[in-house]
Every structure is written in C-alpha cells, then in structure tokens.
Amino acid sequence: MSKPLVAIVDDDARVLASLDELLESAGYATICFVSAEALLAHGLKGVDILITDIGMQGANGFELRDRVWRKFPELPVFLITGRHEITDQRHSRGKGGFLRKPFDGHALLAALREALDDK
C-alpha cells in the first residue's frame, strides 16, 4: 500500500519544512509548493490531501481551495493561518478543516487521518 500524498502550500519556508518533516515522520508522502500558482502548474495527480496557508502572495488559500474543488470536489483541503481575525466557522466547509498557527501537530495528524478515513 502506498503512502497517502499530501500537497503543502505555504510561502514561508520554515512552515513548509516543519510540516514536511512532521508528515513524513508520520508516514505520509509530501510534495511542497511556495505558491498556489506553483501547485496548479504542477497539478494534483495522486494528491490525497491539500494543506494550504490562507495568506499568500498571488492566489490566497481560499482562492486555491475553491479552484481545486471545482475539479476535485472530494479532495480534503486544510486551511492554515496565523491571522486570528479569521474564524473557522465562517470559512470551513466541505472536506478538510481549518487550523490556526501555531497548531498542535497531533491535532493535524488526527484531522488528516479522519479525512482519509472519510474518503
């Protein structure tokens, strides 16, 4: 059985590196991008879950999620943000979730497992 593939999009290299390390240590395969445009240019073939920052240059995380869901409505998308004025009740819908930085790694891993179980 192959490892689930998680695409991570964040314009902060430290966040990308820490998420990459956390997910790989938990048995996931990862692919990292510094922008929504870079992910869209690469494509989503084989991606099981998408994690994206909300506040990025170019297309933001909400725009990326909406573009992805037009083609892949069942793909779980997890939005992450350090902005405290954004609330999860207002912006989480569909498959996936919402996490405010800094978030607990165990909570993220549990949410990913749950999303994969629901697929």
PDB file of N, CA and C in Angstrom:
ATOM      1  N   MET A   1       0.839  -1.181   0.000  1.00  0.00           N
ATOM      2  CA  MET A   1       0.000   0.000   0.000  1.00  0.00           C
ATOM      3  C   MET A   1       0.884   1.243   0.000  1.00  0.00           C
ATOM      4  N   SER A   2       0.572   2.203  -0.875  1.00  0.00           N
ATOM      5  CA  SER A   2       1.400   3.400  -0.958  1.00  0.00           C
ATOM      6  C   SER A   2       0.997   4.401   0.125  1.00  0.00           C
ATOM      7  N   LYS A   3       1.940   5.272   0.434  1.00  0.00           N
ATOM      8  CA  LYS A   3       1.701   6.306   1.437  1.00  0.00           C
ATOM      9  C   LYS A   3       0.740   7.345   0.871  1.00  0.00           C
ATOM     10  N   PRO A   4      -0.160   7.872   1.697  1.00  0.00           N
ATOM     11  CA  PRO A   4      -1.006   8.975   1.232  1.00  0.00           C
ATOM     12  C   PRO A   4      -0.129  10.180   0.880  1.00  0.00           C
ATOM     13  N   LEU A   5      -0.478  10.867  -0.205  1.00  0.00           N
ATOM     14  CA  LEU A   5       0.287  12.018  -0.662  1.00  0.00           C
ATOM     15  C   LEU A   5      -0.399  13.312  -0.224  1.00  0.00           C
ATOM     16  N   VAL A   6       0.348  14.137   0.500  1.00  0.00           N
ATOM     17  CA  VAL A   6      -0.154  15.422   0.980  1.00  0.00           C
ATOM     18  C   VAL A   6       0.599  16.535   0.261  1.00  0.00           C
ATOM     19  N   ALA A   7      -0.139  17.422  -0.411  1.00  0.00           N
ATOM     20  CA  ALA A   7       0.449  18.612  -1.011  1.00  0.00           C
ATOM     21  C   ALA A   7       0.370  19.732   0.019  1.00  0.00           C
ATOM     22  N   ILE A   8       1.492  20.421   0.223  1.00  0.00           N
ATOM     23  CA  ILE A   8       1.575  21.508   1.194  1.00  0.00           C
ATOM     24  C   ILE A   8       1.920  22.786   0.433  1.00  0.00           C
ATOM     25  N   VAL A   9       1.133  23.846   0.668  1.00  0.00           N
ATOM     26  CA  VAL A   9       1.375  25.125   0.006  1.00  0.00           C
ATOM     27  C   VAL A   9       1.494  26.210   1.070  1.00  0.00           C
ATOM     28  N   ASP A  10       2.667  26.837   1.143  1.00  0.00           N
ATOM     29  CA  ASP A  10       2.887  27.933   2.086  1.00  0.00           C
ATOM     30  C   ASP A  10       4.075  28.735   1.587  1.00  0.00           C
ATOM     31  N   ASP A  11       3.987  30.051   1.674  1.00  0.00           N
ATOM     32  CA  ASP A  11       5.096  30.879   1.206  1.00  0.00           C
ATOM     33  C   ASP A  11       6.169  31.097   2.269  1.00  0.00           C
ATOM     34  N   ASP A  12       6.009  30.466   3.422  1.00  0.00           N
ATOM     35  CA  ASP A  12       7.000  30.524   4.495  1.00  0.00           C
ATOM     36  C   ASP A  12       7.797  29.215   4.482  1.00  0.00           C
ATOM     37  N   ALA A  13       9.073  29.294   4.134  1.00  0.00           N
ATOM     38  CA  ALA A  13       9.907  28.094   4.003  1.00  0.00           C
ATOM     39  C   ALA A  13      10.000  27.314   5.313  1.00  0.00           C
ATOM     40  N   ARG A  14       9.971  28.020   6.448  1.00  0.00           N
ATOM     41  CA  ARG A  14      10.038  27.324   7.746  1.00  0.00           C
ATOM     42  C   ARG A  14       8.793  26.482   7.998  1.00  0.00           C
ATOM     43  N   VAL A  15       7.643  27.014   7.642  1.00  0.00           N
ATOM     44  CA  VAL A  15       6.399  26.259   7.805  1.00  0.00           C
ATOM     45  C   VAL A  15       6.411  25.045   6.883  1.00  0.00           C
ATOM     46  N   LEU A  16       6.825  25.244   5.637  1.00  0.00           N
ATOM     47  CA  LEU A  16       6.906  24.113   4.698  1.00  0.00           C
ATOM     48  C   LEU A  16       7.807  23.018   5.249  1.00  0.00           C
ATOM     49  N   ALA A  17       8.977  23.404   5.721  1.00  0.00           N
ATOM     50  CA  ALA A  17       9.936  22.417   6.231  1.00  0.00           C
ATOM     51  C   ALA A  17       9.395  21.684   7.446  1.00  0.00           C
ATOM     52  N   SER A  18       8.757  22.400   8.364  1.00  0.00           N
ATOM     53  CA  SER A  18       8.260  21.729   9.569  1.00  0.00           C
ATOM     54  C   SER A  18       7.086  20.813   9.261  1.00  0.00           C
ATOM     55  N   LEU A  19       6.183  21.250   8.382  1.00  0.00           N
ATOM     56  CA  LEU A  19       5.069  20.372   8.003  1.00  0.00           C
ATOM     57  C   LEU A  19       5.569  19.148   7.236  1.00  0.00           C
ATOM     58  N   ASP A  20       6.523  19.369   6.345  1.00  0.00           N
ATOM     59  CA  ASP A  20       7.110  18.268   5.585  1.00  0.00           C
ATOM     60  C   ASP A  20       7.713  17.232   6.527  1.00  0.00           C
ATOM     61  N   GLU A  21       8.486  17.692   7.493  1.00  0.00           N
ATOM     62  CA  GLU A  21       9.132  16.786   8.449  1.00  0.00           C
ATOM     63  C   GLU A  21       8.098  16.050   9.307  1.00  0.00           C
ATOM     64  N   LEU A  22       7.108  16.772   9.814  1.00  0.00           N
ATOM     65  CA  LEU A  22       6.063  16.162  10.639  1.00  0.00           C
ATOM     66  C   LEU A  22       5.312  15.077   9.869  1.00  0.00           C
ATOM     67  N   LEU A  23       4.881  15.410   8.664  1.00  0.00           N
ATOM     68  CA  LEU A  23       4.069  14.466   7.893  1.00  0.00           C
ATOM     69  C   LEU A  23       4.874  13.257   7.432  1.00  0.00           C
ATOM     70  N   GLU A  24       6.109  13.482   6.995  1.00  0.00           N
ATOM     71  CA  GLU A  24       6.928  12.347   6.583  1.00  0.00           C
ATOM     72  C   GLU A  24       7.234  11.429   7.759  1.00  0.00           C
ATOM     73  N   SER A  25       7.452  11.997   8.942  1.00  0.00           N
ATOM     74  CA  SER A  25       7.716  11.162  10.122  1.00  0.00           C
ATOM     75  C   SER A  25       6.478  10.361  10.524  1.00  0.00           C
ATOM     76  N   ALA A  26       5.297  10.831  10.122  1.00  0.00           N
ATOM     77  CA  ALA A  26       4.046  10.137  10.432  1.00  0.00           C
ATOM     78  C   ALA A  26       3.626   9.171   9.323  1.00  0.00           C
ATOM     79  N   GLY A  27       4.467   9.021   8.299  1.00  0.00           N
ATOM     80  CA  GLY A  27       4.181   8.039   7.266  1.00  0.00           C
ATOM     81  C   GLY A  27       3.500   8.560   6.016  1.00  0.00           C
ATOM     82  N   TYR A  28       3.450   9.860   5.839  1.00  0.00           N
ATOM     83  CA  TYR A  28       2.860  10.447   4.632  1.00  0.00           C
ATOM     84  C   TYR A  28       3.952  10.774   3.630  1.00  0.00           C
ATOM     85  N   ALA A  29       3.614  10.745   2.366  1.00  0.00           N
ATOM     86  CA  ALA A  29       4.471  11.294   1.322  1.00  0.00           C
ATOM     87  C   ALA A  29       4.044  12.746   1.151  1.00  0.00           C
ATOM     88  N   THR A  30       4.980  13.631   0.882  1.00  0.00           N
ATOM     89  CA  THR A  30       4.650  15.052   0.749  1.00  0.00           C
ATOM     90  C   THR A  30       5.231  15.637  -0.523  1.00  0.00           C
ATOM     91  N   ILE A  31       4.592  16.688  -0.961  1.00  0.00           N
ATOM     92  CA  ILE A  31       5.100  17.499  -2.054  1.00  0.00           C
ATOM     93  C   ILE A  31       4.806  18.943  -1.666  1.00  0.00           C
ATOM     94  N   CYS A  32       5.824  19.805  -1.740  1.00  0.00           N
ATOM     95  CA  CYS A  32       5.715  21.159  -1.201  1.00  0.00           C
ATOM     96  C   CYS A  32       5.791  22.212  -2.307  1.00  0.00           C
ATOM     97  N   PHE A  33       5.027  23.294  -2.108  1.00  0.00           N
ATOM     98  CA  PHE A  33       4.975  24.397  -3.067  1.00  0.00           C
ATOM     99  C   PHE A  33       4.976  25.714  -2.315  1.00  0.00           C
ATOM    100  N   VAL A  34       5.590  26.745  -2.909  1.00  0.00           N
ATOM    101  CA  VAL A  34       5.671  28.051  -2.260  1.00  0.00           C
ATOM    102  C   VAL A  34       4.537  28.987  -2.676  1.00  0.00           C
ATOM    103  N   SER A  35       3.674  28.533  -3.596  1.00  0.00           N
ATOM    104  CA  SER A  35       2.553  29.366  -4.025  1.00  0.00           C
ATOM    105  C   SER A  35       1.445  28.493  -4.597  1.00  0.00           C
ATOM    106  N   ALA A  36       0.253  29.065  -4.624  1.00  0.00           N
ATOM    107  CA  ALA A  36      -0.891  28.380  -5.237  1.00  0.00           C
ATOM    108  C   ALA A  36      -0.615  28.134  -6.718  1.00  0.00           C
ATOM    109  N   GLU A  37      -0.013  29.133  -7.362  1.00  0.00           N
ATOM    110  CA  GLU A  37       0.269  29.020  -8.788  1.00  0.00           C
ATOM    111  C   GLU A  37       1.227  27.863  -9.078  1.00  0.00           C
ATOM    112  N   ALA A  38       2.222  27.673  -8.206  1.00  0.00           N
ATOM    113  CA  ALA A  38       3.173  26.573  -8.399  1.00  0.00           C
ATOM    114  C   ALA A  38       2.463  25.219  -8.291  1.00  0.00           C
ATOM    115  N   LEU A  39       1.573  25.086  -7.328  1.00  0.00           N
ATOM    116  CA  LEU A  39       0.810  23.837  -7.205  1.00  0.00           C
ATOM    117  C   LEU A  39      -0.060  23.618  -8.433  1.00  0.00           C
ATOM    118  N   LEU A  40      -0.774  24.640  -8.857  1.00  0.00           N
ATOM    119  CA  LEU A  40      -1.670  24.486 -10.002  1.00  0.00           C
ATOM    120  C   LEU A  40      -0.898  24.156 -11.276  1.00  0.00           C
ATOM    121  N   ALA A  41       0.294  24.720 -11.430  1.00  0.00           N
ATOM    122  CA  ALA A  41       1.129  24.413 -12.597  1.00  0.00           C
ATOM    123  C   ALA A  41       1.585  22.960 -12.565  1.00  0.00           C
ATOM    124  N   HIS A  42       1.855  22.447 -11.369  1.00  0.00           N
ATOM    125  CA  HIS A  42       2.288  21.060 -11.214  1.00  0.00           C
ATOM    126  C   HIS A  42       1.129  20.095 -11.413  1.00  0.00           C
ATOM    127  N   GLY A  43      -0.021  20.446 -10.891  1.00  0.00           N
ATOM    128  CA  GLY A  43      -1.195  19.585 -10.948  1.00  0.00           C
ATOM    129  C   GLY A  43      -1.374  18.810  -9.655  1.00  0.00           C
ATOM    130  N   LEU A  44      -2.502  18.148  -9.554  1.00  0.00           N
ATOM    131  CA  LEU A  44      -2.869  17.456  -8.320  1.00  0.00           C
ATOM    132  C   LEU A  44      -2.947  15.943  -8.489  1.00  0.00           C
ATOM    133  N   LYS A  45      -2.369  15.419  -9.559  1.00  0.00           N
ATOM    134  CA  LYS A  45      -2.426  13.984  -9.790  1.00  0.00           C
ATOM    135  C   LYS A  45      -1.833  13.219  -8.603  1.00  0.00           C
ATOM    136  N   GLY A  46      -2.633  12.326  -8.045  1.00  0.00           N
ATOM    137  CA  GLY A  46      -2.175  11.489  -6.956  1.00  0.00           C
ATOM    138  C   GLY A  46      -2.261  12.112  -5.577  1.00  0.00           C
ATOM    139  N   VAL A  47      -2.646  13.388  -5.482  1.00  0.00           N
ATOM    140  CA  VAL A  47      -2.724  14.065  -4.186  1.00  0.00           C
ATOM    141  C   VAL A  47      -3.964  13.592  -3.441  1.00  0.00           C
ATOM    142  N   ASP A  48      -3.766  13.202  -2.178  1.00  0.00           N
ATOM    143  CA  ASP A  48      -4.867  12.725  -1.339  1.00  0.00           C
ATOM    144  C   ASP A  48      -5.420  13.807  -0.425  1.00  0.00           C
ATOM    145  N   ILE A  49      -4.578  14.766  -0.041  1.00  0.00           N
ATOM    146  CA  ILE A  49      -4.961  15.851   0.864  1.00  0.00           C
ATOM    147  C   ILE A  49      -4.144  17.084   0.484  1.00  0.00           C
ATOM    148  N   LEU A  50      -4.777  18.257   0.611  1.00  0.00           N
ATOM    149  CA  LEU A  50      -4.093  19.524   0.389  1.00  0.00           C
ATOM    150  C   LEU A  50      -4.107  20.325   1.683  1.00  0.00           C
ATOM    151  N   ILE A  51      -2.934  20.836   2.069  1.00  0.00           N
ATOM    152  CA  ILE A  51      -2.816  21.772   3.183  1.00  0.00           C
ATOM    153  C   ILE A  51      -2.303  23.074   2.589  1.00  0.00           C
ATOM    154  N   THR A  52      -3.023  24.172   2.815  1.00  0.00           N
ATOM    155  CA  THR A  52      -2.589  25.452   2.261  1.00  0.00           C
ATOM    156  C   THR A  52      -2.734  26.584   3.260  1.00  0.00           C
ATOM    157  N   ASP A  53      -1.740  27.450   3.240  1.00  0.00           N
ATOM    158  CA  ASP A  53      -1.812  28.681   4.020  1.00  0.00           C
ATOM    159  C   ASP A  53      -2.873  29.564   3.382  1.00  0.00           C
ATOM    160  N   ILE A  54      -3.497  30.405   4.180  1.00  0.00           N
ATOM    161  CA  ILE A  54      -4.500  31.332   3.647  1.00  0.00           C
ATOM    162  C   ILE A  54      -3.828  32.571   3.071  1.00  0.00           C
ATOM    163  N   GLY A  55      -2.924  33.194   3.820  1.00  0.00           N
ATOM    164  CA  GLY A  55      -2.337  34.460   3.408  1.00  0.00           C
ATOM    165  C   GLY A  55      -1.062  34.288   2.616  1.00  0.00           C
ATOM    166  N   MET A  56      -1.191  34.273   1.299  1.00  0.00           N
ATOM    167  CA  MET A  56      -0.020  34.143   0.423  1.00  0.00           C
ATOM    168  C   MET A  56      -0.094  35.198  -0.671  1.00  0.00           C
ATOM    169  N   GLN A  57       1.054  35.508  -1.273  1.00  0.00           N
ATOM    170  CA  GLN A  57       1.084  36.377  -2.440  1.00  0.00           C
ATOM    171  C   GLN A  57       0.390  35.654  -3.594  1.00  0.00           C
ATOM    172  N   GLY A  58      -0.178  36.382  -4.512  1.00  0.00           N
ATOM    173  CA  GLY A  58      -0.902  35.750  -5.614  1.00  0.00           C
ATOM    174  C   GLY A  58      -2.222  35.204  -5.095  1.00  0.00           C
ATOM    175  N   ALA A  59      -2.613  34.058  -5.576  1.00  0.00           N
ATOM    176  CA  ALA A  59      -3.863  33.437  -5.114  1.00  0.00           C
ATOM    177  C   ALA A  59      -3.721  33.054  -3.646  1.00  0.00           C
ATOM    178  N   ASN A  60      -4.712  33.418  -2.837  1.00  0.00           N
ATOM    179  CA  ASN A  60      -4.653  33.051  -1.426  1.00  0.00           C
ATOM    180  C   ASN A  60      -5.225  31.643  -1.230  1.00  0.00           C
ATOM    181  N   GLY A  61      -5.191  31.173   0.004  1.00  0.00           N
ATOM    182  CA  GLY A  61      -5.637  29.816   0.286  1.00  0.00           C
ATOM    183  C   GLY A  61      -7.104  29.568  -0.024  1.00  0.00           C
ATOM    184  N   PHE A  62      -7.960  30.580   0.201  1.00  0.00           N
ATOM    185  CA  PHE A  62      -9.379  30.423  -0.119  1.00  0.00           C
ATOM    186  C   PHE A  62      -9.572  30.269  -1.624  1.00  0.00           C
ATOM    187  N   GLU A  63      -8.872  31.096  -2.391  1.00  0.00           N
ATOM    188  CA  GLU A  63      -8.964  31.021  -3.853  1.00  0.00           C
ATOM    189  C   GLU A  63      -8.445  29.679  -4.357  1.00  0.00           C
ATOM    190  N   LEU A  64      -7.326  29.230  -3.792  1.00  0.00           N
ATOM    191  CA  LEU A  64      -6.779  27.932  -4.194  1.00  0.00           C
ATOM    192  C   LEU A  64      -7.769  26.819  -3.893  1.00  0.00           C
ATOM    193  N   ARG A  65      -8.308  26.810  -2.672  1.00  0.00           N
ATOM    194  CA  ARG A  65      -9.279  25.781  -2.298  1.00  0.00           C
ATOM    195  C   ARG A  65     -10.452  25.762  -3.278  1.00  0.00           C
ATOM    196  N   ASP A  66     -10.994  26.938  -3.586  1.00  0.00           N
ATOM    197  CA  ASP A  66     -12.148  26.993  -4.467  1.00  0.00           C
ATOM    198  C   ASP A  66     -11.810  26.520  -5.874  1.00  0.00           C
ATOM    199  N   ARG A  67     -10.622  26.855  -6.364  1.00  0.00           N
ATOM    200  CA  ARG A  67     -10.201  26.392  -7.702  1.00  0.00           C
ATOM    201  C   ARG A  67     -10.009  24.872  -7.710  1.00  0.00           C
ATOM    202  N   VAL A  68      -9.403  24.359  -6.656  1.00  0.00           N
ATOM    203  CA  VAL A  68      -9.180  22.917  -6.564  1.00  0.00           C
ATOM    204  C   VAL A  68     -10.509  22.180  -6.501  1.00  0.00           C
ATOM    205  N   TRP A  69     -11.435  22.684  -5.690  1.00  0.00           N
ATOM    206  CA  TRP A  69     -12.717  21.994  -5.519  1.00  0.00           C
ATOM    207  C   TRP A  69     -13.583  22.019  -6.774  1.00  0.00           C
ATOM    208  N   ARG A  70     -13.337  22.947  -7.696  1.00  0.00           N
ATOM    209  CA  ARG A  70     -14.078  22.920  -8.958  1.00  0.00           C
ATOM    210  C   ARG A  70     -13.768  21.646  -9.745  1.00  0.00           C
ATOM    211  N   LYS A  71     -12.532  21.188  -9.664  1.00  0.00           N
ATOM    212  CA  LYS A  71     -12.129  19.972 -10.389  1.00  0.00           C
ATOM    213  C   LYS A  71     -12.134  18.738  -9.507  1.00  0.00           C
ATOM    214  N   PHE A  72     -11.836  18.914  -8.227  1.00  0.00           N
ATOM    215  CA  PHE A  72     -11.712  17.790  -7.294  1.00  0.00           C
ATOM    216  C   PHE A  72     -12.538  18.074  -6.037  1.00  0.00           C
ATOM    217  N   PRO A  73     -13.872  18.008  -6.146  1.00  0.00           N
ATOM    218  CA  PRO A  73     -14.728  18.403  -5.015  1.00  0.00           C
ATOM    219  C   PRO A  73     -14.601  17.507  -3.789  1.00  0.00           C
ATOM    220  N   GLU A  74     -14.056  16.328  -3.938  1.00  0.00           N
ATOM    221  CA  GLU A  74     -13.925  15.410  -2.805  1.00  0.00           C
ATOM    222  C   GLU A  74     -12.566  15.492  -2.117  1.00  0.00           C
ATOM    223  N   LEU A  75     -11.654  16.316  -2.648  1.00  0.00           N
ATOM    224  CA  LEU A  75     -10.314  16.414  -2.066  1.00  0.00           C
ATOM    225  C   LEU A  75     -10.368  17.183  -0.746  1.00  0.00           C
ATOM    226  N   PRO A  76      -9.915  16.573   0.353  1.00  0.00           N
ATOM    227  CA  PRO A  76      -9.868  17.307   1.613  1.00  0.00           C
ATOM    228  C   PRO A  76      -8.838  18.431   1.545  1.00  0.00           C
ATOM    229  N   VAL A  77      -9.268  19.636   1.919  1.00  0.00           N
ATOM    230  CA  VAL A  77      -8.389  20.803   1.925  1.00  0.00           C
ATOM    231  C   VAL A  77      -8.370  21.374   3.335  1.00  0.00           C
ATOM    232  N   PHE A  78      -7.173  21.493   3.885  1.00  0.00           N
ATOM    233  CA  PHE A  78      -6.987  22.073   5.212  1.00  0.00           C
ATOM    234  C   PHE A  78      -6.374  23.454   5.048  1.00  0.00           C
ATOM    235  N   LEU A  79      -7.056  24.468   5.572  1.00  0.00           N
ATOM    236  CA  LEU A  79      -6.588  25.843   5.537  1.00  0.00           C
ATOM    237  C   LEU A  79      -5.859  26.138   6.838  1.00  0.00           C
ATOM    238  N   ILE A  80      -4.698  26.773   6.731  1.00  0.00           N
ATOM    239  CA  ILE A  80      -3.951  27.157   7.923  1.00  0.00           C
ATOM    240  C   ILE A  80      -3.691  28.656   7.875  1.00  0.00           C
ATOM    241  N   THR A  81      -3.691  29.284   9.038  1.00  0.00           N
ATOM    242  CA  THR A  81      -3.461  30.726   9.084  1.00  0.00           C
ATOM    243  C   THR A  81      -2.936  31.143  10.445  1.00  0.00           C
ATOM    244  N   GLY A  82      -2.200  32.217  10.446  1.00  0.00           N
ATOM    245  CA  GLY A  82      -1.766  32.840  11.686  1.00  0.00           C
ATOM    246  C   GLY A  82      -2.616  34.056  12.010  1.00  0.00           C
ATOM    247  N   ARG A  83      -3.558  34.376  11.137  1.00  0.00           N
ATOM    248  CA  ARG A  83      -4.421  35.544  11.333  1.00  0.00           C
ATOM    249  C   ARG A  83      -5.577  35.168  12.254  1.00  0.00           C
ATOM    250  N   HIS A  84      -5.670  35.852  13.363  1.00  0.00           N
ATOM    251  CA  HIS A  84      -6.661  35.493  14.373  1.00  0.00           C
ATOM    252  C   HIS A  84      -8.042  36.066  14.098  1.00  0.00           C
ATOM    253  N   GLU A  85      -8.159  37.008  13.161  1.00  0.00           N
ATOM    254  CA  GLU A  85      -9.476  37.552  12.863  1.00  0.00           C
ATOM    255  C   GLU A  85     -10.308  36.624  11.962  1.00  0.00           C
ATOM    256  N   ILE A  86      -9.662  35.632  11.387  1.00  0.00           N
ATOM    257  CA  ILE A  86     -10.384  34.667  10.542  1.00  0.00           C
ATOM    258  C   ILE A  86     -10.878  33.538  11.433  1.00  0.00           C
ATOM    259  N   THR A  87     -12.153  33.241  11.334  1.00  0.00           N
ATOM    260  CA  THR A  87     -12.725  32.186  12.173  1.00  0.00           C
ATOM    261  C   THR A  87     -13.051  30.960  11.359  1.00  0.00           C
ATOM    262  N   ASP A  88     -12.874  29.816  11.980  1.00  0.00           N
ATOM    263  CA  ASP A  88     -13.110  28.572  11.261  1.00  0.00           C
ATOM    264  C   ASP A  88     -14.581  28.374  10.920  1.00  0.00           C
ATOM    265  N   GLN A  89     -15.504  28.878  11.727  1.00  0.00           N
ATOM    266  CA  GLN A  89     -16.915  28.691  11.429  1.00  0.00           C
ATOM    267  C   GLN A  89     -17.298  29.367  10.119  1.00  0.00           C
ATOM    268  N   ARG A  90     -16.681  30.489   9.840  1.00  0.00           N
ATOM    269  CA  ARG A  90     -17.034  31.254   8.657  1.00  0.00           C
ATOM    270  C   ARG A  90     -16.407  30.687   7.389  1.00  0.00           C
ATOM    271  N   HIS A  91     -15.264  30.046   7.517  1.00  0.00           N
ATOM    272  CA  HIS A  91     -14.512  29.687   6.320  1.00  0.00           C
ATOM    273  C   HIS A  91     -14.305  28.192   6.096  1.00  0.00           C
ATOM    274  N   SER A  92     -14.703  27.346   7.026  1.00  0.00           N
ATOM    275  CA  SER A  92     -14.513  25.922   6.782  1.00  0.00           C
ATOM    276  C   SER A  92     -15.805  25.348   6.215  1.00  0.00           C
ATOM    277  N   ARG A  93     -15.663  24.647   5.129  1.00  0.00           N
ATOM    278  CA  ARG A  93     -16.801  23.968   4.518  1.00  0.00           C
ATOM    279  C   ARG A  93     -16.244  22.844   3.668  1.00  0.00           C
ATOM    280  N   GLY A  94     -17.078  21.917   3.308  1.00  0.00           N
ATOM    281  CA  GLY A  94     -16.604  20.812   2.504  1.00  0.00           C
ATOM    282  C   GLY A  94     -15.667  19.922   3.303  1.00  0.00           C
ATOM    283  N   LYS A  95     -14.910  19.109   2.588  1.00  0.00           N
ATOM    284  CA  LYS A  95     -13.976  18.193   3.240  1.00  0.00           C
ATOM    285  C   LYS A  95     -12.704  18.926   3.620  1.00  0.00           C
ATOM    286  N   GLY A  96     -12.207  18.615   4.789  1.00  0.00           N
ATOM    287  CA  GLY A  96     -10.979  19.246   5.261  1.00  0.00           C
ATOM    288  C   GLY A  96     -11.214  19.948   6.570  1.00  0.00           C
ATOM    289  N   GLY A  97     -10.556  21.087   6.746  1.00  0.00           N
ATOM    290  CA  GLY A  97     -10.697  21.792   8.005  1.00  0.00           C
ATOM    291  C   GLY A  97      -9.920  23.080   8.033  1.00  0.00           C
ATOM    292  N   PHE A  98      -9.799  23.620   9.230  1.00  0.00           N
ATOM    293  CA  PHE A  98      -9.207  24.919   9.449  1.00  0.00           C
ATOM    294  C   PHE A  98      -8.336  24.839  10.698  1.00  0.00           C
ATOM    295  N   LEU A  99      -7.092  25.287  10.594  1.00  0.00           N
ATOM    296  CA  LEU A  99      -6.189  25.273  11.747  1.00  0.00           C
ATOM    297  C   LEU A  99      -5.502  26.621  11.867  1.00  0.00           C
ATOM    298  N   ARG A 100      -5.457  27.140  13.081  1.00  0.00           N
ATOM    299  CA  ARG A 100      -4.793  28.410  13.340  1.00  0.00           C
ATOM    300  C   ARG A 100      -3.367  28.135  13.813  1.00  0.00           C
ATOM    301  N   LYS A 101      -2.387  28.841  13.220  1.00  0.00           N
ATOM    302  CA  LYS A 101      -0.990  28.706  13.612  1.00  0.00           C
ATOM    303  C   LYS A 101      -0.765  29.417  14.932  1.00  0.00           C
ATOM    304  N   PRO A 102       0.063  28.949  15.814  1.00  0.00           N
ATOM    305  CA  PRO A 102       0.683  27.620  15.732  1.00  0.00           C
ATOM    306  C   PRO A 102      -0.331  26.565  16.160  1.00  0.00           C
ATOM    307  N   PHE A 103      -0.341  25.451  15.459  1.00  0.00           N
ATOM    308  CA  PHE A 103      -1.279  24.392  15.792  1.00  0.00           C
ATOM    309  C   PHE A 103      -0.523  23.183  16.306  1.00  0.00           C
ATOM    310  N   ASP A 104      -1.237  22.345  16.996  1.00  0.00           N
ATOM    311  CA  ASP A 104      -0.663  21.138  17.563  1.00  0.00           C
ATOM    312  C   ASP A 104      -0.493  20.099  16.455  1.00  0.00           C
ATOM    313  N   GLY A 105       0.702  19.561  16.325  1.00  0.00           N
ATOM    314  CA  GLY A 105       0.974  18.554  15.302  1.00  0.00           C
ATOM    315  C   GLY A 105       0.102  17.325  15.430  1.00  0.00           C
ATOM    316  N   HIS A 106      -0.176  16.910  16.667  1.00  0.00           N
ATOM    317  CA  HIS A 106      -1.032  15.739  16.876  1.00  0.00           C
ATOM    318  C   HIS A 106      -2.455  16.000  16.387  1.00  0.00           C
ATOM    319  N   ALA A 107      -2.934  17.225  16.587  1.00  0.00           N
ATOM    320  CA  ALA A 107      -4.276  17.583  16.115  1.00  0.00           C
ATOM    321  C   ALA A 107      -4.330  17.549  14.595  1.00  0.00           C
ATOM    322  N   LEU A 108      -3.275  18.040  13.946  1.00  0.00           N
ATOM    323  CA  LEU A 108      -3.234  17.995  12.488  1.00  0.00           C
ATOM    324  C   LEU A 108      -3.231  16.561  11.993  1.00  0.00           C
ATOM    325  N   LEU A 109      -2.386  15.726  12.571  1.00  0.00           N
ATOM    326  CA  LEU A 109      -2.312  14.326  12.136  1.00  0.00           C
ATOM    327  C   LEU A 109      -3.642  13.607  12.346  1.00  0.00           C
ATOM    328  N   ALA A 110      -4.305  13.873  13.456  1.00  0.00           N
ATOM    329  CA  ALA A 110      -5.616  13.266  13.709  1.00  0.00           C
ATOM    330  C   ALA A 110      -6.626  13.723  12.666  1.00  0.00           C
ATOM    331  N   ALA A 111      -6.603  15.002  12.314  1.00  0.00           N
ATOM    332  CA  ALA A 111      -7.527  15.529  11.307  1.00  0.00           C
ATOM    333  C   ALA A 111      -7.260  14.911   9.936  1.00  0.00           C
ATOM    334  N   LEU A 112      -5.987  14.719   9.596  1.00  0.00           N
ATOM    335  CA  LEU A 112      -5.649  14.094   8.313  1.00  0.00           C
ATOM    336  C   LEU A 112      -6.127  12.642   8.272  1.00  0.00           C
ATOM    337  N   ARG A 113      -5.906  11.909   9.360  1.00  0.00           N
ATOM    338  CA  ARG A 113      -6.370  10.518   9.418  1.00  0.00           C
ATOM    339  C   ARG A 113      -7.883  10.439   9.253  1.00  0.00           C
ATOM    340  N   GLU A 114      -8.586  11.332   9.922  1.00  0.00           N
ATOM    341  CA  GLU A 114     -10.047  11.355   9.826  1.00  0.00           C
ATOM    342  C   GLU A 114     -10.500  11.652   8.396  1.00  0.00           C
ATOM    343  N   ALA A 115      -9.839  12.610   7.754  1.00  0.00           N
ATOM    344  CA  ALA A 115     -10.193  12.959   6.371  1.00  0.00           C
ATOM    345  C   ALA A 115      -9.950  11.783   5.433  1.00  0.00           C
ATOM    346  N   LEU A 116      -8.867  11.059   5.630  1.00  0.00           N
ATOM    347  CA  LEU A 116      -8.588   9.900   4.782  1.00  0.00           C
ATOM    348  C   LEU A 116      -9.581   8.779   5.043  1.00  0.00           C
ATOM    349  N   ASP A 117      -9.980   8.602   6.285  1.00  0.00           N
ATOM    350  CA  ASP A 117     -10.964   7.572   6.622  1.00  0.00           C
ATOM    351  C   ASP A 117     -12.322   7.862   5.979  1.00  0.00           C
ATOM    352  N   ASP A 118     -12.625   9.148   5.800  1.00  0.00           N
ATOM    353  CA  ASP A 118     -13.901   9.535   5.205  1.00  0.00           C
ATOM    354  C   ASP A 118     -13.920   9.438   3.686  1.00  0.00           C
ATOM    355  N   LYS A 119     -12.757   9.248   3.069  1.00  0.00           N
ATOM    356  CA  LYS A 119     -12.683   9.188   1.597  1.00  0.00           C
ATOM    357  C   LYS A 119     -13.287   7.926   1.064  1.00  0.00           C
TER     358      LYS A 119
END
